[in-house]
Amino acid sequence: MRAVISLGLQISPTGSKEMYRYLGIVAFFVSTYHWGSLSDMFLEASMLCL
């Protein structure tokens, strides 16, 4: 999970707003999805950040 967050921080702009927005999206999906759907969660979070 830490790898996903760090990867997202590298992809997203250095702006604090984008960083907190991405972390919020990741936290939301983590709280709603099971660990088995981690890859699907990452794909959906990535699409939302585009």
PDB file of N, CA and C in Angstrom:
ATOM      1  N   MET A   1       0.843  -1.203   0.000  1.00  0.00           N
ATOM      2  CA  MET A   1       0.000   0.000   0.000  1.00  0.00           C
ATOM      3  C   MET A   1       0.874   1.246   0.000  1.00  0.00           C
ATOM      4  N   ARG A   2       1.969   1.215   0.723  1.00  0.00           N
ATOM      5  CA  ARG A   2       2.858   2.379   0.750  1.00  0.00           C
ATOM      6  C   ARG A   2       3.436   2.640  -0.626  1.00  0.00           C
ATOM      7  N   ALA A   3       3.684   1.561  -1.377  1.00  0.00           N
ATOM      8  CA  ALA A   3       4.232   1.720  -2.727  1.00  0.00           C
ATOM      9  C   ALA A   3       3.237   2.459  -3.619  1.00  0.00           C
ATOM     10  N   VAL A   4       1.953   2.134  -3.462  1.00  0.00           N
ATOM     11  CA  VAL A   4       0.927   2.808  -4.265  1.00  0.00           C
ATOM     12  C   VAL A   4       0.877   4.295  -3.950  1.00  0.00           C
ATOM     13  N   ILE A   5       0.933   4.621  -2.661  1.00  0.00           N
ATOM     14  CA  ILE A   5       0.866   6.027  -2.256  1.00  0.00           C
ATOM     15  C   ILE A   5       2.096   6.786  -2.743  1.00  0.00           C
ATOM     16  N   SER A   6       3.274   6.179  -2.559  1.00  0.00           N
ATOM     17  CA  SER A   6       4.503   6.861  -2.992  1.00  0.00           C
ATOM     18  C   SER A   6       4.512   7.031  -4.506  1.00  0.00           C
ATOM     19  N   LEU A   7       4.018   6.025  -5.226  1.00  0.00           N
ATOM     20  CA  LEU A   7       3.964   6.126  -6.684  1.00  0.00           C
ATOM     21  C   LEU A   7       3.036   7.257  -7.092  1.00  0.00           C
ATOM     22  N   GLY A   8       1.898   7.355  -6.429  1.00  0.00           N
ATOM     23  CA  GLY A   8       0.948   8.423  -6.733  1.00  0.00           C
ATOM     24  C   GLY A   8       1.528   9.790  -6.450  1.00  0.00           C
ATOM     25  N   LEU A   9       2.317   9.904  -5.386  1.00  0.00           N
ATOM     26  CA  LEU A   9       2.919  11.185  -5.044  1.00  0.00           C
ATOM     27  C   LEU A   9       3.956  11.583  -6.085  1.00  0.00           C
ATOM     28  N   GLN A  10       4.619  10.589  -6.677  1.00  0.00           N
ATOM     29  CA  GLN A  10       5.607  10.893  -7.703  1.00  0.00           C
ATOM     30  C   GLN A  10       4.920  11.333  -8.995  1.00  0.00           C
ATOM     31  N   ILE A  11       3.768  10.710  -9.294  1.00  0.00           N
ATOM     32  CA  ILE A  11       3.043  11.039 -10.523  1.00  0.00           C
ATOM     33  C   ILE A  11       2.349  12.392 -10.417  1.00  0.00           C
ATOM     34  N   SER A  12       1.683  12.627  -9.294  1.00  0.00           N
ATOM     35  CA  SER A  12       0.917  13.864  -9.134  1.00  0.00           C
ATOM     36  C   SER A  12       1.842  15.065  -8.961  1.00  0.00           C
ATOM     37  N   PRO A  13       1.360  16.247  -9.309  1.00  0.00           N
ATOM     38  CA  PRO A  13       2.159  17.470  -9.152  1.00  0.00           C
ATOM     39  C   PRO A  13       2.561  17.677  -7.696  1.00  0.00           C
ATOM     40  N   THR A  14       3.549  18.516  -7.471  1.00  0.00           N
ATOM     41  CA  THR A  14       4.041  18.740  -6.110  1.00  0.00           C
ATOM     42  C   THR A  14       3.092  19.609  -5.301  1.00  0.00           C
ATOM     43  N   GLY A  15       2.056  20.143  -5.937  1.00  0.00           N
ATOM     44  CA  GLY A  15       1.104  20.984  -5.218  1.00  0.00           C
ATOM     45  C   GLY A  15       0.449  20.221  -4.081  1.00  0.00           C
ATOM     46  N   SER A  16       0.320  20.863  -2.929  1.00  0.00           N
ATOM     47  CA  SER A  16      -0.240  20.191  -1.761  1.00  0.00           C
ATOM     48  C   SER A  16      -1.701  19.806  -1.991  1.00  0.00           C
ATOM     49  N   LYS A  17      -2.429  20.629  -2.756  1.00  0.00           N
ATOM     50  CA  LYS A  17      -3.840  20.316  -3.008  1.00  0.00           C
ATOM     51  C   LYS A  17      -3.964  18.987  -3.740  1.00  0.00           C
ATOM     52  N   GLU A  18      -3.167  18.793  -4.797  1.00  0.00           N
ATOM     53  CA  GLU A  18      -3.225  17.546  -5.556  1.00  0.00           C
ATOM     54  C   GLU A  18      -2.800  16.373  -4.685  1.00  0.00           C
ATOM     55  N   MET A  19      -1.783  16.590  -3.843  1.00  0.00           N
ATOM     56  CA  MET A  19      -1.289  15.512  -2.995  1.00  0.00           C
ATOM     57  C   MET A  19      -2.367  15.058  -2.023  1.00  0.00           C
ATOM     58  N   TYR A  20      -2.991  16.019  -1.332  1.00  0.00           N
ATOM     59  CA  TYR A  20      -4.026  15.652  -0.371  1.00  0.00           C
ATOM     60  C   TYR A  20      -5.245  15.070  -1.073  1.00  0.00           C
ATOM     61  N   ARG A  21      -5.531  15.546  -2.288  1.00  0.00           N
ATOM     62  CA  ARG A  21      -6.664  15.012  -3.034  1.00  0.00           C
ATOM     63  C   ARG A  21      -6.407  13.547  -3.378  1.00  0.00           C
ATOM     64  N   TYR A  22      -5.189  13.245  -3.814  1.00  0.00           N
ATOM     65  CA  TYR A  22      -4.853  11.862  -4.162  1.00  0.00           C
ATOM     66  C   TYR A  22      -4.902  10.961  -2.928  1.00  0.00           C
ATOM     67  N   LEU A  23      -4.333  11.450  -1.825  1.00  0.00           N
ATOM     68  CA  LEU A  23      -4.334  10.653  -0.589  1.00  0.00           C
ATOM     69  C   LEU A  23      -5.765  10.407  -0.123  1.00  0.00           C
ATOM     70  N   GLY A  24      -6.624  11.404  -0.296  1.00  0.00           N
ATOM     71  CA  GLY A  24      -8.019  11.242   0.098  1.00  0.00           C
ATOM     72  C   GLY A  24      -8.711  10.184  -0.745  1.00  0.00           C
ATOM     73  N   ILE A  25      -8.423  10.195  -2.053  1.00  0.00           N
ATOM     74  CA  ILE A  25      -9.010   9.199  -2.956  1.00  0.00           C
ATOM     75  C   ILE A  25      -8.522   7.806  -2.582  1.00  0.00           C
ATOM     76  N   VAL A  26      -7.214   7.688  -2.330  1.00  0.00           N
ATOM     77  CA  VAL A  26      -6.647   6.384  -1.954  1.00  0.00           C
ATOM     78  C   VAL A  26      -7.284   5.885  -0.657  1.00  0.00           C
ATOM     79  N   ALA A  27      -7.401   6.776   0.336  1.00  0.00           N
ATOM     80  CA  ALA A  27      -7.981   6.393   1.622  1.00  0.00           C
ATOM     81  C   ALA A  27      -9.437   5.967   1.446  1.00  0.00           C
ATOM     82  N   PHE A  28     -10.162   6.662   0.561  1.00  0.00           N
ATOM     83  CA  PHE A  28     -11.564   6.335   0.317  1.00  0.00           C
ATOM     84  C   PHE A  28     -11.705   4.935  -0.260  1.00  0.00           C
ATOM     85  N   PHE A  29     -10.885   4.639  -1.288  1.00  0.00           N
ATOM     86  CA  PHE A  29     -10.983   3.325  -1.918  1.00  0.00           C
ATOM     87  C   PHE A  29     -10.510   2.222  -0.979  1.00  0.00           C
ATOM     88  N   VAL A  30      -9.493   2.505  -0.172  1.00  0.00           N
ATOM     89  CA  VAL A  30      -8.998   1.499   0.773  1.00  0.00           C
ATOM     90  C   VAL A  30     -10.090   1.155   1.775  1.00  0.00           C
ATOM     91  N   SER A  31     -10.869   2.159   2.183  1.00  0.00           N
ATOM     92  CA  SER A  31     -11.902   1.927   3.186  1.00  0.00           C
ATOM     93  C   SER A  31     -13.135   1.249   2.589  1.00  0.00           C
ATOM     94  N   THR A  32     -13.281   1.289   1.250  1.00  0.00           N
ATOM     95  CA  THR A  32     -14.478   0.720   0.642  1.00  0.00           C
ATOM     96  C   THR A  32     -14.210  -0.585  -0.101  1.00  0.00           C
ATOM     97  N   TYR A  33     -12.946  -0.838  -0.447  1.00  0.00           N
ATOM     98  CA  TYR A  33     -12.607  -2.058  -1.181  1.00  0.00           C
ATOM     99  C   TYR A  33     -11.839  -3.034  -0.305  1.00  0.00           C
ATOM    100  N   HIS A  34     -11.894  -4.305  -0.674  1.00  0.00           N
ATOM    101  CA  HIS A  34     -11.113  -5.319   0.025  1.00  0.00           C
ATOM    102  C   HIS A  34      -9.703  -5.352  -0.564  1.00  0.00           C
ATOM    103  N   TRP A  35      -8.766  -5.940   0.169  1.00  0.00           N
ATOM    104  CA  TRP A  35      -7.377  -5.975  -0.294  1.00  0.00           C
ATOM    105  C   TRP A  35      -7.252  -6.729  -1.607  1.00  0.00           C
ATOM    106  N   GLY A  36      -8.179  -7.642  -1.898  1.00  0.00           N
ATOM    107  CA  GLY A  36      -8.111  -8.407  -3.139  1.00  0.00           C
ATOM    108  C   GLY A  36      -8.329  -7.536  -4.366  1.00  0.00           C
ATOM    109  N   SER A  37      -8.959  -6.378  -4.178  1.00  0.00           N
ATOM    110  CA  SER A  37      -9.253  -5.493  -5.305  1.00  0.00           C
ATOM    111  C   SER A  37      -8.293  -4.308  -5.329  1.00  0.00           C
ATOM    112  N   LEU A  38      -7.078  -4.497  -4.778  1.00  0.00           N
ATOM    113  CA  LEU A  38      -6.137  -3.395  -4.681  1.00  0.00           C
ATOM    114  C   LEU A  38      -5.773  -2.858  -6.061  1.00  0.00           C
ATOM    115  N   SER A  39      -5.576  -3.762  -7.025  1.00  0.00           N
ATOM    116  CA  SER A  39      -5.203  -3.308  -8.368  1.00  0.00           C
ATOM    117  C   SER A  39      -6.344  -2.516  -9.004  1.00  0.00           C
ATOM    118  N   ASP A  40      -7.584  -2.988  -8.830  1.00  0.00           N
ATOM    119  CA  ASP A  40      -8.731  -2.264  -9.379  1.00  0.00           C
ATOM    120  C   ASP A  40      -8.857  -0.894  -8.722  1.00  0.00           C
ATOM    121  N   MET A  41      -8.605  -0.834  -7.426  1.00  0.00           N
ATOM    122  CA  MET A  41      -8.680   0.433  -6.700  1.00  0.00           C
ATOM    123  C   MET A  41      -7.663   1.411  -7.257  1.00  0.00           C
ATOM    124  N   PHE A  42      -6.448   0.909  -7.509  1.00  0.00           N
ATOM    125  CA  PHE A  42      -5.394   1.794  -8.019  1.00  0.00           C
ATOM    126  C   PHE A  42      -5.757   2.318  -9.405  1.00  0.00           C
ATOM    127  N   LEU A  43      -6.338   1.462 -10.249  1.00  0.00           N
ATOM    128  CA  LEU A  43      -6.729   1.891 -11.589  1.00  0.00           C
ATOM    129  C   LEU A  43      -7.805   2.965 -11.521  1.00  0.00           C
ATOM    130  N   GLU A  44      -8.789   2.771 -10.665  1.00  0.00           N
ATOM    131  CA  GLU A  44      -9.865   3.754 -10.553  1.00  0.00           C
ATOM    132  C   GLU A  44      -9.347   5.068  -9.982  1.00  0.00           C
ATOM    133  N   ALA A  45      -8.461   4.988  -8.988  1.00  0.00           N
ATOM    134  CA  ALA A  45      -7.895   6.199  -8.400  1.00  0.00           C
ATOM    135  C   ALA A  45      -7.061   6.940  -9.430  1.00  0.00           C
ATOM    136  N   SER A  46      -6.332   6.184 -10.256  1.00  0.00           N
ATOM    137  CA  SER A  46      -5.519   6.829 -11.288  1.00  0.00           C
ATOM    138  C   SER A  46      -6.400   7.544 -12.304  1.00  0.00           C
ATOM    139  N   MET A  47      -7.530   6.919 -12.664  1.00  0.00           N
ATOM    140  CA  MET A  47      -8.433   7.541 -13.632  1.00  0.00           C
ATOM    141  C   MET A  47      -9.037   8.825 -13.068  1.00  0.00           C
ATOM    142  N   LEU A  48      -9.337   8.826 -11.763  1.00  0.00           N
ATOM    143  CA  LEU A  48      -9.922  10.016 -11.149  1.00  0.00           C
ATOM    144  C   LEU A  48      -8.916  11.164 -11.102  1.00  0.00           C
ATOM    145  N   CYS A  49      -7.621  10.807 -11.021  1.00  0.00           N
ATOM    146  CA  CYS A  49      -6.599  11.852 -10.922  1.00  0.00           C
ATOM    147  C   CYS A  49      -6.265  12.464 -12.283  1.00  0.00           C
ATOM    148  N   LEU A  50      -6.683  11.812 -13.370  1.00  0.00           N
ATOM    149  CA  LEU A  50      -6.356  12.340 -14.705  1.00  0.00           C
ATOM    150  C   LEU A  50      -7.144  13.612 -14.997  1.00  0.00           C
TER     151      LEU A  50
END
